[in-house]
PDB file of N, CA and C in Angstrom:
ATOM      1  N   MET A   1      85.371  98.341 108.822  1.00  0.00           N
ATOM      2  CA  MET A   1      85.774  96.426 109.191  1.00  0.00           C
ATOM      3  C   MET A   1      87.271  96.675 109.489  1.00  0.00           C
ATOM      4  N   ASP A   2      87.532  95.724 110.204  1.00  0.00           N
ATOM      5  CA  ASP A   2      89.048  95.646 110.619  1.00  0.00           C
ATOM      6  C   ASP A   2      89.811  94.279 109.943  1.00  0.00           C
ATOM      7  N   VAL A   3      90.771  94.181 109.727  1.00  0.00           N
ATOM      8  CA  VAL A   3      91.725  93.350 108.857  1.00  0.00           C
ATOM      9  C   VAL A   3      93.089  93.359 109.635  1.00  0.00           C
ATOM     10  N   VAL A   4      93.097  91.810 109.876  1.00  0.00           N
ATOM     11  CA  VAL A   4      94.585  91.435 110.591  1.00  0.00           C
ATOM     12  C   VAL A   4      95.125  90.583 109.449  1.00  0.00           C
ATOM     13  N   LEU A   5      96.471  91.004 109.566  1.00  0.00           N
ATOM     14  CA  LEU A   5      97.256  90.290 108.468  1.00  0.00           C
ATOM     15  C   LEU A   5      98.150  89.743 109.238  1.00  0.00           C
ATOM     16  N   ASP A   6      98.165  88.220 109.080  1.00  0.00           N
ATOM     17  CA  ASP A   6      98.608  86.912 110.007  1.00  0.00           C
ATOM     18  C   ASP A   6      99.897  86.381 109.489  1.00  0.00           C
ATOM     19  N   TYR A   7     100.930  86.956 109.808  1.00  0.00           N
ATOM     20  CA  TYR A   7     102.171  86.236 109.332  1.00  0.00           C
ATOM     21  C   TYR A   7     102.645  84.986 109.892  1.00  0.00           C
ATOM     22  N   LEU A   8     102.293  84.846 111.219  1.00  0.00           N
ATOM     23  CA  LEU A   8     102.997  84.002 112.360  1.00  0.00           C
ATOM     24  C   LEU A   8     101.830  82.633 112.382  1.00  0.00           C
ATOM     25  N   TRP A   9     100.671  82.901 112.742  1.00  0.00           N
ATOM     26  CA  TRP A   9      99.635  81.796 112.934  1.00  0.00           C
ATOM     27  C   TRP A   9     100.485  81.015 113.922  1.00  0.00           C
ATOM     28  N   GLY A  10      99.944  79.539 113.988  1.00  0.00           N
ATOM     29  CA  GLY A  10     100.606  79.063 115.107  1.00  0.00           C
ATOM     30  C   GLY A  10     100.355  79.488 116.608  1.00  0.00           C
ATOM     31  N   GLU A  11     101.252  79.582 117.754  1.00  0.00           N
ATOM     32  CA  GLU A  11     100.884  79.285 119.243  1.00  0.00           C
ATOM     33  C   GLU A  11     100.653  80.881 119.230  1.00  0.00           C
ATOM     34  N   VAL A  12     101.517  81.662 118.558  1.00  0.00           N
ATOM     35  CA  VAL A  12     100.845  83.467 118.579  1.00  0.00           C
ATOM     36  C   VAL A  12      99.601  83.368 118.380  1.00  0.00           C
ATOM     37  N   THR A  13      99.084  83.058 117.324  1.00  0.00           N
ATOM     38  CA  THR A  13      97.834  83.747 117.063  1.00  0.00           C
ATOM     39  C   THR A  13      96.770  82.919 118.090  1.00  0.00           C
ATOM     40  N   GLU A  14      96.750  81.520 118.497  1.00  0.00           N
ATOM     41  CA  GLU A  14      96.005  80.599 119.682  1.00  0.00           C
ATOM     42  C   GLU A  14      95.672  81.629 120.314  1.00  0.00           C
ATOM     43  N   GLN A  15      97.285  82.625 121.129  1.00  0.00           N
ATOM     44  CA  GLN A  15      97.265  83.133 122.295  1.00  0.00           C
ATOM     45  C   GLN A  15      96.612  84.705 121.815  1.00  0.00           C
ATOM     46  N   PHE A  16      96.383  85.219 121.139  1.00  0.00           N
ATOM     47  CA  PHE A  16      96.163  86.826 120.742  1.00  0.00           C
ATOM     48  C   PHE A  16      95.158  86.704 120.219  1.00  0.00           C
ATOM     49  N   LEU A  17      94.780  85.894 119.581  1.00  0.00           N
ATOM     50  CA  LEU A  17      93.095  86.274 118.508  1.00  0.00           C
ATOM     51  C   LEU A  17      92.204  85.930 119.775  1.00  0.00           C
ATOM     52  N   PRO A  18      92.192  85.240 120.996  1.00  0.00           N
ATOM     53  CA  PRO A  18      91.046  85.687 121.937  1.00  0.00           C
ATOM     54  C   PRO A  18      91.447  86.906 122.788  1.00  0.00           C
ATOM     55  N   ILE A  19      92.201  87.425 122.863  1.00  0.00           N
ATOM     56  CA  ILE A  19      92.480  88.388 123.527  1.00  0.00           C
ATOM     57  C   ILE A  19      91.740  89.533 122.261  1.00  0.00           C
ATOM     58  N   ILE A  20      92.355  89.823 121.425  1.00  0.00           N
ATOM     59  CA  ILE A  20      91.972  90.591 120.430  1.00  0.00           C
ATOM     60  C   ILE A  20      90.396  90.712 120.640  1.00  0.00           C
ATOM     61  N   LEU A  21      89.681  89.315 120.028  1.00  0.00           N
ATOM     62  CA  LEU A  21      88.129  89.353 120.005  1.00  0.00           C
ATOM     63  C   LEU A  21      87.810  89.472 121.566  1.00  0.00           C
ATOM     64  N   GLN A  22      88.304  89.390 122.431  1.00  0.00           N
ATOM     65  CA  GLN A  22      87.414  89.564 123.477  1.00  0.00           C
ATOM     66  C   GLN A  22      87.423  91.705 124.223  1.00  0.00           C
ATOM     67  N   ALA A  23      88.571  92.194 123.505  1.00  0.00           N
ATOM     68  CA  ALA A  23      88.852  93.489 123.545  1.00  0.00           C
ATOM     69  C   ALA A  23      88.276  94.097 122.823  1.00  0.00           C
ATOM     70  N   ARG A  24      87.154  93.787 121.381  1.00  0.00           N
ATOM     71  CA  ARG A  24      87.171  94.257 120.785  1.00  0.00           C
ATOM     72  C   ARG A  24      85.356  94.580 121.378  1.00  0.00           C
ATOM     73  N   THR A  25      84.899  96.085 121.346  1.00  0.00           N
ATOM     74  CA  THR A  25      83.725  96.523 121.809  1.00  0.00           C
ATOM     75  C   THR A  25      82.035  96.024 121.221  1.00  0.00           C
ATOM     76  N   ASP A  26      82.632  96.013 119.935  1.00  0.00           N
ATOM     77  CA  ASP A  26      81.176  95.804 119.065  1.00  0.00           C
ATOM     78  C   ASP A  26      81.974  94.562 118.287  1.00  0.00           C
ATOM     79  N   HIS A  27      81.079  93.118 119.233  1.00  0.00           N
ATOM     80  CA  HIS A  27      81.443  91.957 118.637  1.00  0.00           C
ATOM     81  C   HIS A  27      80.521  91.744 117.429  1.00  0.00           C
ATOM     82  N   SER A  28      79.678  92.929 116.754  1.00  0.00           N
ATOM     83  CA  SER A  28      79.151  92.435 115.437  1.00  0.00           C
ATOM     84  C   SER A  28      79.555  93.146 114.177  1.00  0.00           C
ATOM     85  N   GLN A  29      80.915  93.887 114.801  1.00  0.00           N
ATOM     86  CA  GLN A  29      81.850  94.944 113.648  1.00  0.00           C
ATOM     87  C   GLN A  29      82.963  93.806 113.215  1.00  0.00           C
ATOM     88  N   PRO A  30      82.625  93.380 111.926  1.00  0.00           N
ATOM     89  CA  PRO A  30      83.218  92.050 111.322  1.00  0.00           C
ATOM     90  C   PRO A  30      84.579  92.640 111.451  1.00  0.00           C
ATOM     91  N   LEU A  31      85.408  91.590 111.697  1.00  0.00           N
ATOM     92  CA  LEU A  31      86.908  91.198 111.651  1.00  0.00           C
ATOM     93  C   LEU A  31      87.160  89.815 110.747  1.00  0.00           C
ATOM     94  N   ASN A  32      88.164  90.433 109.430  1.00  0.00           N
ATOM     95  CA  ASN A  32      88.568  89.551 108.898  1.00  0.00           C
ATOM     96  C   ASN A  32      90.121  89.197 109.279  1.00  0.00           C
ATOM     97  N   TRP A  33      90.358  88.053 109.194  1.00  0.00           N
ATOM     98  CA  TRP A  33      91.599  87.252 109.751  1.00  0.00           C
ATOM     99  C   TRP A  33      92.587  86.865 108.866  1.00  0.00           C
ATOM    100  N   ALA A  34      93.333  87.057 107.753  1.00  0.00           N
ATOM    101  CA  ALA A  34      93.618  86.540 106.957  1.00  0.00           C
ATOM    102  C   ALA A  34      95.249  86.116 107.465  1.00  0.00           C
ATOM    103  N   GLU A  35      95.038  84.618 107.031  1.00  0.00           N
ATOM    104  CA  GLU A  35      96.517  84.123 107.301  1.00  0.00           C
ATOM    105  C   GLU A  35      97.338  83.885 106.215  1.00  0.00           C
ATOM    106  N   ILE A  36      98.446  84.606 106.437  1.00  0.00           N
ATOM    107  CA  ILE A  36      99.324  84.694 105.225  1.00  0.00           C
ATOM    108  C   ILE A  36     100.465  83.470 105.523  1.00  0.00           C
ATOM    109  N   GLY A  37     100.843  83.444 106.263  1.00  0.00           N
ATOM    110  CA  GLY A  37     102.160  82.826 106.756  1.00  0.00           C
ATOM    111  C   GLY A  37     101.944  81.621 108.088  1.00  0.00           C
ATOM    112  N   SER A  38     102.947  81.070 108.324  1.00  0.00           N
ATOM    113  CA  SER A  38     102.968  80.037 109.723  1.00  0.00           C
ATOM    114  C   SER A  38     104.397  79.952 110.295  1.00  0.00           C
ATOM    115  N   MET A  39     104.929  81.025 110.080  1.00  0.00           N
ATOM    116  CA  MET A  39     106.176  80.814 110.911  1.00  0.00           C
ATOM    117  C   MET A  39     106.393  80.596 112.563  1.00  0.00           C
ATOM    118  N   ALA A  40     105.001  81.164 112.813  1.00  0.00           N
ATOM    119  CA  ALA A  40     105.240  80.146 114.435  1.00  0.00           C
ATOM    120  C   ALA A  40     104.139  78.642 114.992  1.00  0.00           C
ATOM    121  N   GLY A  41     103.680  78.512 113.618  1.00  0.00           N
ATOM    122  CA  GLY A  41     103.424  76.879 113.495  1.00  0.00           C
ATOM    123  C   GLY A  41     102.081  76.906 112.810  1.00  0.00           C
ATOM    124  N   ALA A  42     101.669  75.565 112.482  1.00  0.00           N
ATOM    125  CA  ALA A  42     100.874  75.344 111.403  1.00  0.00           C
ATOM    126  C   ALA A  42      99.720  75.347 111.602  1.00  0.00           C
ATOM    127  N   ASP A  43      99.140  75.147 113.095  1.00  0.00           N
ATOM    128  CA  ASP A  43      98.051  74.840 113.480  1.00  0.00           C
ATOM    129  C   ASP A  43      97.523  75.727 114.670  1.00  0.00           C
ATOM    130  N   ILE A  44      96.169  75.967 114.854  1.00  0.00           N
ATOM    131  CA  ILE A  44      95.834  76.589 115.947  1.00  0.00           C
ATOM    132  C   ILE A  44      94.533  75.632 116.960  1.00  0.00           C
ATOM    133  N   LYS A  45      94.286  76.089 117.998  1.00  0.00           N
ATOM    134  CA  LYS A  45      92.618  75.512 118.525  1.00  0.00           C
ATOM    135  C   LYS A  45      92.374  76.816 118.455  1.00  0.00           C
ATOM    136  N   LEU A  46      91.129  76.768 118.228  1.00  0.00           N
ATOM    137  CA  LEU A  46      90.122  77.443 118.070  1.00  0.00           C
ATOM    138  C   LEU A  46      88.635  77.315 118.653  1.00  0.00           C
ATOM    139  N   PRO A  47      88.352  77.778 119.754  1.00  0.00           N
ATOM    140  CA  PRO A  47      86.872  77.735 120.172  1.00  0.00           C
ATOM    141  C   PRO A  47      85.705  77.765 119.268  1.00  0.00           C
ATOM    142  N   ALA A  48      84.824  77.230 119.368  1.00  0.00           N
ATOM    143  CA  ALA A  48      83.560  77.571 118.503  1.00  0.00           C
ATOM    144  C   ALA A  48      83.075  78.573 118.686  1.00  0.00           C
ATOM    145  N   ALA A  49      82.831  79.017 120.252  1.00  0.00           N
ATOM    146  CA  ALA A  49      82.168  79.924 120.507  1.00  0.00           C
ATOM    147  C   ALA A  49      82.619  81.367 120.122  1.00  0.00           C
ATOM    148  N   PHE A  50      84.217  81.451 119.281  1.00  0.00           N
ATOM    149  CA  PHE A  50      84.668  82.793 118.738  1.00  0.00           C
ATOM    150  C   PHE A  50      83.655  82.521 117.554  1.00  0.00           C
ATOM    151  N   LEU A  51      83.566  81.920 116.942  1.00  0.00           N
ATOM    152  CA  LEU A  51      83.236  81.806 115.672  1.00  0.00           C
ATOM    153  C   LEU A  51      81.452  82.090 115.471  1.00  0.00           C
ATOM    154  N   ARG A  52      80.906  81.935 116.816  1.00  0.00           N
ATOM    155  CA  ARG A  52      79.426  81.800 116.900  1.00  0.00           C
ATOM    156  C   ARG A  52      79.349  83.139 117.358  1.00  0.00           C
ATOM    157  N   SER A  53      80.136  83.647 118.428  1.00  0.00           N
ATOM    158  CA  SER A  53      79.863  85.156 119.317  1.00  0.00           C
ATOM    159  C   SER A  53      80.332  86.404 118.755  1.00  0.00           C
ATOM    160  N   THR A  54      81.466  86.234 117.492  1.00  0.00           N
ATOM    161  CA  THR A  54      81.866  87.560 116.892  1.00  0.00           C
ATOM    162  C   THR A  54      81.828  87.416 115.421  1.00  0.00           C
ATOM    163  N   ALA A  55      81.884  88.441 114.929  1.00  0.00           N
ATOM    164  CA  ALA A  55      81.736  88.422 113.133  1.00  0.00           C
ATOM    165  C   ALA A  55      83.222  88.660 112.978  1.00  0.00           C
ATOM    166  N   LEU A  56      83.982  87.355 113.360  1.00  0.00           N
ATOM    167  CA  LEU A  56      85.246  86.956 112.592  1.00  0.00           C
ATOM    168  C   LEU A  56      85.123  86.199 111.506  1.00  0.00           C
ATOM    169  N   THR A  57      85.841  86.897 110.204  1.00  0.00           N
ATOM    170  CA  THR A  57      86.148  85.665 109.250  1.00  0.00           C
ATOM    171  C   THR A  57      87.497  85.393 109.120  1.00  0.00           C
ATOM    172  N   LEU A  58      87.611  84.457 108.823  1.00  0.00           N
ATOM    173  CA  LEU A  58      89.219  83.654 108.727  1.00  0.00           C
ATOM    174  C   LEU A  58      89.267  83.408 107.145  1.00  0.00           C
ATOM    175  N   LEU A  59      90.592  83.619 106.803  1.00  0.00           N
ATOM    176  CA  LEU A  59      90.841  83.610 105.015  1.00  0.00           C
ATOM    177  C   LEU A  59      92.235  83.395 105.408  1.00  0.00           C
ATOM    178  N   GLY A  60      92.324  82.698 103.768  1.00  0.00           N
ATOM    179  CA  GLY A  60      93.648  82.119 103.398  1.00  0.00           C
ATOM    180  C   GLY A  60      94.265  83.010 102.826  1.00  0.00           C
ATOM    181  N   SER A  61      95.521  83.312 102.528  1.00  0.00           N
ATOM    182  CA  SER A  61      95.932  84.089 102.103  1.00  0.00           C
ATOM    183  C   SER A  61      97.247  83.455 100.779  1.00  0.00           C
ATOM    184  N   GLY A  62      97.203  83.235  99.735  1.00  0.00           N
ATOM    185  CA  GLY A  62      98.893  82.455  99.181  1.00  0.00           C
ATOM    186  C   GLY A  62      98.306  81.966  98.016  1.00  0.00           C
ATOM    187  N   MET A  63      99.489  81.458  97.371  1.00  0.00           N
ATOM    188  CA  MET A  63      99.237  81.149  96.087  1.00  0.00           C
ATOM    189  C   MET A  63      97.940  80.306  95.603  1.00  0.00           C
ATOM    190  N   GLY A  64      97.749  79.404  96.891  1.00  0.00           N
ATOM    191  CA  GLY A  64      96.493  78.737  96.189  1.00  0.00           C
ATOM    192  C   GLY A  64      95.111  79.329  96.270  1.00  0.00           C
ATOM    193  N   SER A  65      94.900  80.608  96.806  1.00  0.00           N
ATOM    194  CA  SER A  65      93.796  81.284  97.161  1.00  0.00           C
ATOM    195  C   SER A  65      93.726  81.834  96.163  1.00  0.00           C
ATOM    196  N   VAL A  66      94.522  82.518  95.059  1.00  0.00           N
ATOM    197  CA  VAL A  66      94.046  83.331  93.999  1.00  0.00           C
ATOM    198  C   VAL A  66      94.671  82.446  93.080  1.00  0.00           C
ATOM    199  N   PRO A  67      93.845  82.015  91.907  1.00  0.00           N
ATOM    200  CA  PRO A  67      94.037  81.423  90.735  1.00  0.00           C
ATOM    201  C   PRO A  67      95.440  81.863  89.888  1.00  0.00           C
ATOM    202  N   ALA A  68      96.189  81.252  89.390  1.00  0.00           N
ATOM    203  CA  ALA A  68      97.196  81.472  89.135  1.00  0.00           C
ATOM    204  C   ALA A  68      97.239  82.199  87.953  1.00  0.00           C
ATOM    205  N   ARG A  69      96.271  81.989  86.991  1.00  0.00           N
ATOM    206  CA  ARG A  69      95.988  83.127  85.736  1.00  0.00           C
ATOM    207  C   ARG A  69      95.852  84.298  86.430  1.00  0.00           C
ATOM    208  N   ALA A  70      94.924  85.189  87.251  1.00  0.00           N
ATOM    209  CA  ALA A  70      95.079  86.303  87.548  1.00  0.00           C
ATOM    210  C   ALA A  70      95.993  86.843  88.457  1.00  0.00           C
ATOM    211  N   PHE A  71      96.692  85.746  89.058  1.00  0.00           N
ATOM    212  CA  PHE A  71      97.722  86.283  89.732  1.00  0.00           C
ATOM    213  C   PHE A  71      99.124  86.941  88.580  1.00  0.00           C
ATOM    214  N   VAL A  72      99.432  85.703  88.051  1.00  0.00           N
ATOM    215  CA  VAL A  72      99.821  86.172  86.509  1.00  0.00           C
ATOM    216  C   VAL A  72      99.501  87.520  85.880  1.00  0.00           C
ATOM    217  N   LYS A  73      98.471  87.863  85.547  1.00  0.00           N
ATOM    218  CA  LYS A  73      97.635  88.371  84.859  1.00  0.00           C
ATOM    219  C   LYS A  73      98.221  90.489  85.703  1.00  0.00           C
ATOM    220  N   GLU A  74      97.555  90.294  86.326  1.00  0.00           N
ATOM    221  CA  GLU A  74      98.043  91.547  87.154  1.00  0.00           C
ATOM    222  C   GLU A  74      99.353  91.894  87.993  1.00  0.00           C
ATOM    223  N   LEU A  75     100.280  90.899  87.719  1.00  0.00           N
ATOM    224  CA  LEU A  75     101.445  90.678  88.340  1.00  0.00           C
ATOM    225  C   LEU A  75     102.486  92.040  87.816  1.00  0.00           C
ATOM    226  N   PRO A  76     102.272  92.472  86.508  1.00  0.00           N
ATOM    227  CA  PRO A  76     103.161  92.787  85.903  1.00  0.00           C
ATOM    228  C   PRO A  76     102.819  94.585  86.325  1.00  0.00           C
ATOM    229  N   GLU A  77     101.667  94.767  86.413  1.00  0.00           N
ATOM    230  CA  GLU A  77     100.599  95.884  86.448  1.00  0.00           C
ATOM    231  C   GLU A  77     101.535  96.417  88.157  1.00  0.00           C
ATOM    232  N   LEU A  78     100.950  95.444  88.903  1.00  0.00           N
ATOM    233  CA  LEU A  78     101.584  95.938  90.434  1.00  0.00           C
ATOM    234  C   LEU A  78     103.104  95.899  90.373  1.00  0.00           C
ATOM    235  N   ALA A  79     104.151  95.042  89.668  1.00  0.00           N
ATOM    236  CA  ALA A  79     105.458  95.595  89.718  1.00  0.00           C
ATOM    237  C   ALA A  79     105.281  97.175  89.667  1.00  0.00           C
ATOM    238  N   GLN A  80     104.915  97.469  88.403  1.00  0.00           N
ATOM    239  CA  GLN A  80     105.028  98.818  87.908  1.00  0.00           C
ATOM    240  C   GLN A  80     104.797  99.588  88.945  1.00  0.00           C
ATOM    241  N   LEU A  81     103.574  99.575  89.311  1.00  0.00           N
ATOM    242  CA  LEU A  81     103.317 100.642  90.191  1.00  0.00           C
ATOM    243  C   LEU A  81     104.140 100.747  91.353  1.00  0.00           C
ATOM    244  N   ILE A  82     104.527  99.427  92.170  1.00  0.00           N
ATOM    245  CA  ILE A  82     105.354  99.579  93.357  1.00  0.00           C
ATOM    246  C   ILE A  82     106.533 100.096  93.182  1.00  0.00           C
ATOM    247  N   SER A  83     107.191  99.770  91.855  1.00  0.00           N
ATOM    248  CA  SER A  83     108.621 100.618  91.258  1.00  0.00           C
ATOM    249  C   SER A  83     108.362 102.238  91.248  1.00  0.00           C
ATOM    250  N   GLU A  84     107.097 102.682  91.037  1.00  0.00           N
ATOM    251  CA  GLU A  84     106.730 104.122  90.259  1.00  0.00           C
ATOM    252  C   GLU A  84     106.235 104.645  92.068  1.00  0.00           C
ATOM    253  N   GLY A  85     106.702 103.687  93.171  1.00  0.00           N
ATOM    254  CA  GLY A  85     106.203 104.256  94.356  1.00  0.00           C
ATOM    255  C   GLY A  85     104.657 104.477  94.760  1.00  0.00           C
ATOM    256  N   HIS A  86     103.759 104.215  94.386  1.00  0.00           N
ATOM    257  CA  HIS A  86     102.347 104.608  94.220  1.00  0.00           C
ATOM    258  C   HIS A  86     102.077 104.129  95.600  1.00  0.00           C
ATOM    259  N   PHE A  87     102.730 102.829  96.547  1.00  0.00           N
ATOM    260  CA  PHE A  87     102.092 102.541  97.610  1.00  0.00           C
ATOM    261  C   PHE A  87     103.074 102.984  98.817  1.00  0.00           C
ATOM    262  N   ASN A  88     102.502 104.131  98.849  1.00  0.00           N
ATOM    263  CA  ASN A  88     103.194 104.415 100.225  1.00  0.00           C
ATOM    264  C   ASN A  88     102.389 104.683 101.673  1.00  0.00           C
ATOM    265  N   VAL A  89     102.443 103.565 102.134  1.00  0.00           N
ATOM    266  CA  VAL A  89     101.045 103.540 103.349  1.00  0.00           C
ATOM    267  C   VAL A  89     102.154 103.999 104.558  1.00  0.00           C
ATOM    268  N   PRO A  90     101.534 105.358 105.373  1.00  0.00           N
ATOM    269  CA  PRO A  90     102.345 105.544 106.495  1.00  0.00           C
ATOM    270  C   PRO A  90     102.006 104.308 107.620  1.00  0.00           C
ATOM    271  N   ILE A  91     102.705 103.960 108.410  1.00  0.00           N
ATOM    272  CA  ILE A  91     102.694 102.906 109.494  1.00  0.00           C
ATOM    273  C   ILE A  91     103.064 103.162 110.391  1.00  0.00           C
ATOM    274  N   GLU A  92     102.868 102.718 111.622  1.00  0.00           N
ATOM    275  CA  GLU A  92     103.091 102.933 113.129  1.00  0.00           C
ATOM    276  C   GLU A  92     103.441 101.890 113.865  1.00  0.00           C
ATOM    277  N   VAL A  93     104.588 101.401 114.027  1.00  0.00           N
ATOM    278  CA  VAL A  93     105.255 100.094 114.659  1.00  0.00           C
ATOM    279  C   VAL A  93     105.440 100.062 116.127  1.00  0.00           C
ATOM    280  N   ALA A  94     104.564  99.192 116.708  1.00  0.00           N
ATOM    281  CA  ALA A  94     104.332  98.706 118.257  1.00  0.00           C
ATOM    282  C   ALA A  94     104.922  97.306 118.534  1.00  0.00           C
ATOM    283  N   PRO A  95     105.058  97.336 119.496  1.00  0.00           N
ATOM    284  CA  PRO A  95     105.904  95.748 119.961  1.00  0.00           C
ATOM    285  C   PRO A  95     104.629  95.131 120.151  1.00  0.00           C
ATOM    286  N   LEU A  96     104.614  93.833 119.978  1.00  0.00           N
ATOM    287  CA  LEU A  96     103.472  93.226 120.618  1.00  0.00           C
ATOM    288  C   LEU A  96     103.024  92.810 121.835  1.00  0.00           C
ATOM    289  N   SER A  97     103.839  93.212 122.211  1.00  0.00           N
ATOM    290  CA  SER A  97     103.852  93.268 124.019  1.00  0.00           C
ATOM    291  C   SER A  97     102.632  94.248 124.294  1.00  0.00           C
ATOM    292  N   GLN A  98     102.504  95.237 123.473  1.00  0.00           N
ATOM    293  CA  GLN A  98     101.339  96.432 123.553  1.00  0.00           C
ATOM    294  C   GLN A  98      99.969  96.287 122.770  1.00  0.00           C
ATOM    295  N   VAL A  99      99.761  95.037 122.594  1.00  0.00           N
ATOM    296  CA  VAL A  99      98.953  95.133 121.538  1.00  0.00           C
ATOM    297  C   VAL A  99      97.257  95.594 122.129  1.00  0.00           C
ATOM    298  N   SER A 100      97.369  95.285 123.606  1.00  0.00           N
ATOM    299  CA  SER A 100      95.718  95.683 124.141  1.00  0.00           C
ATOM    300  C   SER A 100      95.918  97.554 124.356  1.00  0.00           C
ATOM    301  N   GLU A 101      97.399  97.952 124.696  1.00  0.00           N
ATOM    302  CA  GLU A 101      96.981  99.381 125.066  1.00  0.00           C
ATOM    303  C   GLU A 101      97.132 100.254 123.528  1.00  0.00           C
ATOM    304  N   MET A 102      97.891  99.655 122.289  1.00  0.00           N
ATOM    305  CA  MET A 102      97.869 100.355 121.127  1.00  0.00           C
ATOM    306  C   MET A 102      96.505  99.502 120.386  1.00  0.00           C
ATOM    307  N   TRP A 103      95.750  98.821 120.580  1.00  0.00           N
ATOM    308  CA  TRP A 103      94.719  98.393 119.574  1.00  0.00           C
ATOM    309  C   TRP A 103      93.763  99.482 119.127  1.00  0.00           C
ATOM    310  N   LEU A 104      93.524  99.933 119.857  1.00  0.00           N
ATOM    311  CA  LEU A 104      92.292 101.383 119.846  1.00  0.00           C
ATOM    312  C   LEU A 104      92.886 102.445 119.395  1.00  0.00           C
ATOM    313  N   LYS A 105      94.100 102.593 119.502  1.00  0.00           N
ATOM    314  CA  LYS A 105      94.584 104.074 119.345  1.00  0.00           C
ATOM    315  C   LYS A 105      94.660 104.361 117.670  1.00  0.00           C
ATOM    316  N   GLU A 106      94.005 105.664 117.544  1.00  0.00           N
ATOM    317  CA  GLU A 106      93.927 106.127 116.329  1.00  0.00           C
ATOM    318  C   GLU A 106      94.961 106.861 116.119  1.00  0.00           C
ATOM    319  N   THR A 107      95.790 106.815 114.987  1.00  0.00           N
ATOM    320  CA  THR A 107      97.068 107.785 114.698  1.00  0.00           C
ATOM    321  C   THR A 107      96.507 108.221 112.935  1.00  0.00           C
ATOM    322  N   GLY A 108      95.626 107.797 112.352  1.00  0.00           N
ATOM    323  CA  GLY A 108      95.527 107.983 110.790  1.00  0.00           C
ATOM    324  C   GLY A 108      96.671 106.950 110.362  1.00  0.00           C
ATOM    325  N   LYS A 109      97.245 105.977 110.898  1.00  0.00           N
ATOM    326  CA  LYS A 109      98.639 105.420 110.477  1.00  0.00           C
ATOM    327  C   LYS A 109      97.986 103.686 110.422  1.00  0.00           C
ATOM    328  N   ARG A 110      98.758 102.659 109.439  1.00  0.00           N
ATOM    329  CA  ARG A 110      98.634 101.527 109.452  1.00  0.00           C
ATOM    330  C   ARG A 110      99.022 101.364 110.829  1.00  0.00           C
ATOM    331  N   LEU A 111      98.660 100.391 112.035  1.00  0.00           N
ATOM    332  CA  LEU A 111      98.897  99.676 112.726  1.00  0.00           C
ATOM    333  C   LEU A 111      99.914  98.474 112.795  1.00  0.00           C
ATOM    334  N   VAL A 112     100.920  98.353 112.949  1.00  0.00           N
ATOM    335  CA  VAL A 112     102.040  96.890 112.734  1.00  0.00           C
ATOM    336  C   VAL A 112     102.298  96.688 113.831  1.00  0.00           C
ATOM    337  N   PHE A 113     102.411  95.409 114.366  1.00  0.00           N
ATOM    338  CA  PHE A 113     102.669  94.946 115.605  1.00  0.00           C
ATOM    339  C   PHE A 113     103.896  93.954 115.359  1.00  0.00           C
ATOM    340  N   ASN A 114     104.871  94.252 116.083  1.00  0.00           N
ATOM    341  CA  ASN A 114     106.124  93.629 115.939  1.00  0.00           C
ATOM    342  C   ASN A 114     106.658  92.497 117.123  1.00  0.00           C
ATOM    343  N   PRO A 115     106.379  91.290 116.513  1.00  0.00           N
ATOM    344  CA  PRO A 115     106.351  90.392 117.456  1.00  0.00           C
ATOM    345  C   PRO A 115     108.106  90.477 118.141  1.00  0.00           C
ATOM    346  N   GLY A 116     109.284  90.886 117.449  1.00  0.00           N
ATOM    347  CA  GLY A 116     110.311  90.681 118.005  1.00  0.00           C
ATOM    348  C   GLY A 116     110.876  91.764 119.169  1.00  0.00           C
ATOM    349  N   LYS A 117     110.103  92.968 118.578  1.00  0.00           N
ATOM    350  CA  LYS A 117     110.408  93.963 119.739  1.00  0.00           C
ATOM    351  C   LYS A 117     109.670  94.064 121.288  1.00  0.00           C
TER     352      LYS A 117
END
């Protein structure tokens, strides 16, 4: 299963979501697109055909998508684990302009696209 953590939304997502969906070789393979922030805009236009022709799931991630009680309950343990260094995720950073070349590259690392490069 593939997951996109989208901090940008807006025009950037509107432009790259179709490119990513069309580049996928298996349209039945699930793609969970988690909208976390909207630094590039609050809205996108999304053709209905993308939802019908791919296994795309759009999710929201923010304070409103998690019950406050559950968030507060887990926060102390999460802060402890982070401070102890338990979250060491190897990453490879690539410029967003190289998304089509890098998307299928297998490095064993989490691939992160930087729109500023």
